Amino acid sequence: MKIYHTLALLLVCVCLSGCGENQRLSGKVTFDDGSPLTVGMVCFENTENGKLGRGEINSDGTYVVGFETDKNGIPKGTYKVFITGAILEKGMNEKTGMPIEEQQIALKYSSTTTSGLTFTADGKTKTFDITVERPSIKK
């Protein structure tokens, strides 16, 4: 009987220390025309401690955020948001043998200081959709 009390106490301690701390968060990254961004990773940097949560962008533009493991959510707090890895390979350069890469979104989204994206995890909001701009065309 004593072991059951110990196990019950352990379970309560685990729940009190971990249950409800992380908020499940998902969203979709799209362009102005509604088409999805199909590559990259959405990153959430906590403004208090600098810890980073992330969610890989799927081919339909959706993502789910996690901290220690994929998709386990984020703790309450304020986050600066940026997107990394939004690059597609468009073949190989025959002369150099290097891949030809094409940036899919404006570079401003690749940094917390320029993206203009923030999110507050309040324990209630479950989705954070993001609309991004395409890169400007250089002439």
Protein backbone atom coordinates (compact mmCIF):
# COMPACT_ATOMS: atom_id res chain seq x y z
CA MET A 1 0.00 0.00 0.00
CA LYS A 2 2.90 2.34 0.79
CA ILE A 3 4.23 2.03 -2.78
CA TYR A 4 0.85 3.19 -4.17
CA HIS A 5 0.97 6.28 -1.98
CA THR A 6 4.51 6.99 -3.15
CA LEU A 7 3.53 6.54 -6.80
CA ALA A 8 0.46 8.77 -6.36
CA LEU A 9 2.57 11.46 -4.70
CA LEU A 10 5.15 11.22 -7.50
CA LEU A 11 2.41 11.57 -10.13
CA VAL A 12 1.00 14.65 -8.40
CA CYS A 13 4.47 16.23 -8.23
CA VAL A 14 5.09 15.58 -11.92
CA CYS A 15 1.74 17.12 -12.86
CA LEU A 16 2.25 20.14 -10.67
CA SER A 17 5.70 20.76 -12.10
CA GLY A 18 4.90 20.08 -15.74
CA CYS A 19 1.22 19.84 -16.52
CA GLY A 20 -0.27 22.91 -18.09
CA GLU A 21 3.01 24.79 -18.38
CA ASN A 22 3.29 24.49 -22.13
CA GLN A 23 0.64 25.79 -24.46
CA ARG A 24 0.01 23.83 -27.65
CA LEU A 25 0.36 26.25 -30.54
CA SER A 26 -0.07 25.77 -34.26
CA GLY A 27 -0.62 27.99 -37.26
CA LYS A 28 -0.24 28.50 -40.96
CA VAL A 29 2.21 30.65 -42.91
CA THR A 30 0.80 32.12 -46.11
CA PHE A 31 1.47 34.85 -48.65
CA ASP A 32 -0.90 37.76 -49.30
CA ASP A 33 -2.65 35.76 -52.03
CA GLY A 34 -3.41 32.92 -49.59
CA SER A 35 -0.90 30.45 -51.04
CA PRO A 36 1.17 28.62 -48.38
CA LEU A 37 4.86 28.98 -47.64
CA THR A 38 5.99 25.37 -48.13
CA VAL A 39 9.47 25.31 -46.57
CA GLY A 40 11.25 26.65 -43.52
CA MET A 41 10.86 26.82 -39.78
CA VAL A 42 8.90 29.23 -37.58
CA CYS A 43 10.95 30.17 -34.49
CA PHE A 44 9.64 31.67 -31.25
CA GLU A 45 12.27 33.39 -29.06
CA ASN A 46 11.19 34.06 -25.48
CA THR A 47 11.83 37.73 -24.68
CA GLU A 48 12.62 36.98 -21.02
CA ASN A 49 15.08 34.09 -21.22
CA GLY A 50 16.00 33.82 -24.91
CA LYS A 51 14.87 30.18 -25.16
CA LEU A 52 13.80 29.13 -28.62
CA GLY A 53 10.73 27.15 -29.65
CA ARG A 54 10.33 26.03 -33.23
CA GLY A 55 7.98 24.41 -35.68
CA GLU A 56 8.80 23.02 -39.10
CA ILE A 57 6.63 24.40 -41.90
CA ASN A 58 4.80 21.63 -43.75
CA SER A 59 4.02 21.59 -47.49
CA ASP A 60 0.57 23.07 -46.79
CA GLY A 61 2.05 25.96 -44.74
CA THR A 62 1.01 24.59 -41.35
CA TYR A 63 3.31 24.24 -38.33
CA VAL A 64 3.17 23.11 -34.70
CA VAL A 65 5.56 24.65 -32.15
CA GLY A 66 7.68 22.83 -29.60
CA PHE A 67 10.54 23.58 -27.21
CA GLU A 68 12.34 20.52 -25.87
CA THR A 69 10.69 18.20 -28.39
CA ASP A 70 8.76 18.86 -31.54
CA LYS A 71 5.15 19.83 -31.03
CA ASN A 72 5.14 19.96 -27.20
CA GLY A 73 4.04 23.59 -27.08
CA ILE A 74 5.51 26.70 -25.51
CA PRO A 75 5.41 28.13 -21.98
CA LYS A 76 3.42 31.26 -21.23
CA GLY A 77 5.28 34.43 -22.12
CA THR A 78 6.03 36.91 -24.87
CA TYR A 79 7.89 35.79 -27.99
CA LYS A 80 9.60 37.45 -30.90
CA VAL A 81 8.93 35.39 -34.01
CA PHE A 82 11.07 34.82 -37.10
CA ILE A 83 11.25 32.36 -39.99
CA THR A 84 14.39 30.57 -41.10
CA GLY A 85 15.23 28.17 -43.93
CA ALA A 86 12.60 29.45 -46.37
CA ILE A 87 14.79 28.54 -49.35
CA LEU A 88 14.14 26.21 -52.28
CA GLU A 89 16.83 24.62 -54.43
CA LYS A 90 16.22 25.35 -58.11
CA GLY A 91 18.83 23.04 -59.57
CA MET A 92 22.61 23.12 -59.88
CA ASN A 93 24.92 25.70 -61.39
CA GLU A 94 26.77 23.78 -64.09
CA LYS A 95 29.86 25.99 -63.89
CA THR A 96 30.34 25.98 -60.12
CA GLY A 97 28.59 22.75 -59.17
CA MET A 98 26.82 24.70 -56.40
CA PRO A 99 23.07 24.55 -55.84
CA ILE A 100 20.96 27.42 -57.15
CA GLU A 101 18.83 28.56 -54.23
CA GLU A 102 15.82 30.84 -54.22
CA GLN A 103 14.72 32.76 -51.13
CA GLN A 104 10.94 32.33 -50.72
CA ILE A 105 10.16 35.23 -48.36
CA ALA A 106 11.41 38.75 -47.76
CA LEU A 107 14.63 38.67 -45.72
CA LYS A 108 13.10 40.84 -42.99
CA TYR A 109 11.33 37.74 -41.63
CA SER A 110 14.63 35.99 -40.87
CA SER A 111 15.42 38.06 -37.75
CA THR A 112 13.59 38.94 -34.54
CA THR A 113 14.71 42.54 -34.90
CA THR A 114 13.17 43.03 -38.36
CA SER A 115 10.29 40.56 -38.70
CA GLY A 116 7.76 42.65 -36.78
CA LEU A 117 6.17 39.42 -35.53
CA THR A 118 5.37 38.86 -31.86
CA PHE A 119 3.18 36.41 -29.99
CA THR A 120 2.01 36.27 -26.38
CA ALA A 121 1.32 32.78 -25.07
CA ASP A 122 -1.49 33.34 -22.58
CA GLY A 123 -2.69 29.76 -22.17
CA LYS A 124 -5.81 30.50 -24.25
CA THR A 125 -4.70 31.32 -27.80
CA LYS A 126 -4.05 28.08 -29.70
CA THR A 127 -3.25 29.38 -33.20
CA PHE A 128 -0.91 31.96 -34.67
CA ASP A 129 -1.26 32.42 -38.42
CA ILE A 130 1.40 34.45 -40.21
CA THR A 131 1.19 36.32 -43.50
CA VAL A 132 4.54 36.97 -45.20
CA GLU A 133 5.70 38.89 -48.24
CA ARG A 134 7.67 37.49 -51.13
CA PRO A 135 11.20 38.81 -51.66
CA SER A 136 11.51 41.94 -53.76
CA ILE A 137 12.70 41.30 -57.29
CA LYS A 138 16.12 42.77 -58.03
CA LYS A 139 16.50 44.40 -61.42
